[in-house]
Amino acid sequence: MTSESLLLAILIVLTLTLLLAGIATAFLVTTMRGMRAEQQAMRRAIANMDWTSVFSSLQGSSKESVRILDILDKRLQKLEVLEKLQISQSQFKQQQGR
């Protein structure tokens, strides 16, 4: 192989490498522009969002949670009363059995 053909081969490899790097860069640039456009669209959507409906929904679910917790608290209090009654009855039976 002569030096001219070696130089030509190196030049072809470098040209192909440069071409592939250019294509990859163009692909990355278009991808980044698309991502930026999506990000801006999302920011606009969030800025224009009706937050009152979101907050009212959260408020409604929190009220429902408080109502459920109140029900659970009342049931727990009833269970505690029943437990105390059962303990006192068993103690009363033990005292009568003596």
Protein backbone atom coordinates (compact mmCIF):
# COMPACT_ATOMS: atom_id res chain seq x y z
CA MET A 1 0.00 0.00 0.00
CA THR A 2 1.40 3.34 -0.93
CA SER A 3 1.37 6.42 1.23
CA GLU A 4 -1.18 8.06 -1.06
CA SER A 5 -3.69 5.22 -0.67
CA LEU A 6 -3.07 5.15 3.11
CA LEU A 7 -3.65 8.89 3.26
CA LEU A 8 -6.82 8.48 1.17
CA ALA A 9 -8.09 5.71 3.49
CA ILE A 10 -7.45 7.90 6.56
CA LEU A 11 -9.20 10.80 4.85
CA ILE A 12 -12.23 8.62 4.03
CA VAL A 13 -12.41 7.33 7.63
CA LEU A 14 -12.15 10.86 9.01
CA THR A 15 -14.81 12.10 6.58
CA LEU A 16 -17.20 9.30 7.57
CA THR A 17 -16.51 9.95 11.25
CA LEU A 18 -17.20 13.66 10.79
CA LEU A 19 -20.37 12.90 8.86
CA LEU A 20 -21.63 10.51 11.57
CA ALA A 21 -20.76 13.04 14.28
CA GLY A 22 -22.72 15.70 12.37
CA ILE A 23 -25.74 13.43 12.03
CA ALA A 24 -25.59 12.51 15.73
CA THR A 25 -25.31 16.19 16.68
CA ALA A 26 -28.28 17.11 14.49
CA PHE A 27 -30.32 14.30 16.06
CA LEU A 28 -29.41 15.48 19.57
CA VAL A 29 -30.26 19.09 18.74
CA THR A 30 -33.72 18.16 17.40
CA THR A 31 -34.35 15.92 20.39
CA MET A 32 -33.36 18.66 22.83
CA ARG A 33 -35.58 21.19 21.02
CA GLY A 34 -38.49 18.78 21.26
CA MET A 35 -37.86 18.26 24.96
CA ARG A 36 -37.67 22.02 25.52
CA ALA A 37 -40.97 22.51 23.66
CA GLU A 38 -42.63 19.82 25.80
CA GLN A 39 -41.24 21.41 28.96
CA GLN A 40 -42.58 24.83 27.99
CA ALA A 41 -45.96 23.34 27.12
CA MET A 42 -46.08 21.64 30.51
CA ARG A 43 -45.16 24.87 32.27
CA ARG A 44 -47.95 26.69 30.42
CA ALA A 45 -50.42 23.93 31.29
CA ILE A 46 -49.46 24.09 34.96
CA ALA A 47 -49.65 27.89 34.96
CA ASN A 48 -53.11 27.82 33.35
CA MET A 49 -54.36 24.99 35.52
CA ASP A 50 -57.48 25.58 37.59
CA TRP A 51 -56.00 25.09 41.04
CA THR A 52 -59.30 25.80 42.79
CA SER A 53 -60.74 22.51 41.54
CA VAL A 54 -57.63 20.66 42.68
CA PHE A 55 -57.75 22.26 46.12
CA SER A 56 -61.48 21.75 46.51
CA SER A 57 -61.02 18.09 45.62
CA LEU A 58 -58.27 17.81 48.23
CA GLN A 59 -60.47 19.59 50.74
CA GLY A 60 -63.33 17.20 50.04
CA SER A 61 -61.13 14.15 50.46
CA SER A 62 -59.64 15.54 53.68
CA LYS A 63 -63.15 16.15 55.06
CA GLU A 64 -64.04 12.56 54.18
CA SER A 65 -60.87 11.36 55.92
CA VAL A 66 -61.78 13.33 59.06
CA ARG A 67 -65.28 11.84 59.00
CA ILE A 68 -63.87 8.32 58.70
CA LEU A 69 -61.40 8.98 61.51
CA ASP A 70 -64.26 10.21 63.72
CA ILE A 71 -66.21 7.02 63.03
CA LEU A 72 -63.15 4.90 63.85
CA ASP A 73 -62.55 6.90 67.04
CA LYS A 74 -66.14 6.34 68.21
CA ARG A 75 -65.90 2.62 67.47
CA LEU A 76 -62.64 2.42 69.35
CA GLN A 77 -64.19 4.18 72.34
CA LYS A 78 -67.07 1.68 72.29
CA LEU A 79 -64.62 -1.21 72.17
CA GLU A 80 -62.71 0.24 75.13
CA VAL A 81 -65.94 0.54 77.12
CA LEU A 82 -66.88 -3.05 76.25
CA GLU A 83 -63.42 -4.23 77.25
CA LYS A 84 -63.64 -2.45 80.61
CA LEU A 85 -67.12 -3.90 81.16
CA GLN A 86 -65.87 -7.40 80.34
CA ILE A 87 -62.92 -6.99 82.73
CA SER A 88 -65.15 -5.77 85.53
CA GLN A 89 -67.61 -8.64 84.95
CA SER A 90 -64.83 -11.20 85.04
CA GLN A 91 -63.46 -9.64 88.24
CA PHE A 92 -66.95 -9.68 89.76
CA LYS A 93 -67.35 -13.38 88.87
CA GLN A 94 -63.95 -14.14 90.37
CA GLN A 95 -64.89 -12.36 93.61
CA GLN A 96 -68.19 -14.25 93.86
CA GLY A 97 -66.47 -17.54 93.20
CA ARG A 98 -64.29 -17.13 96.30
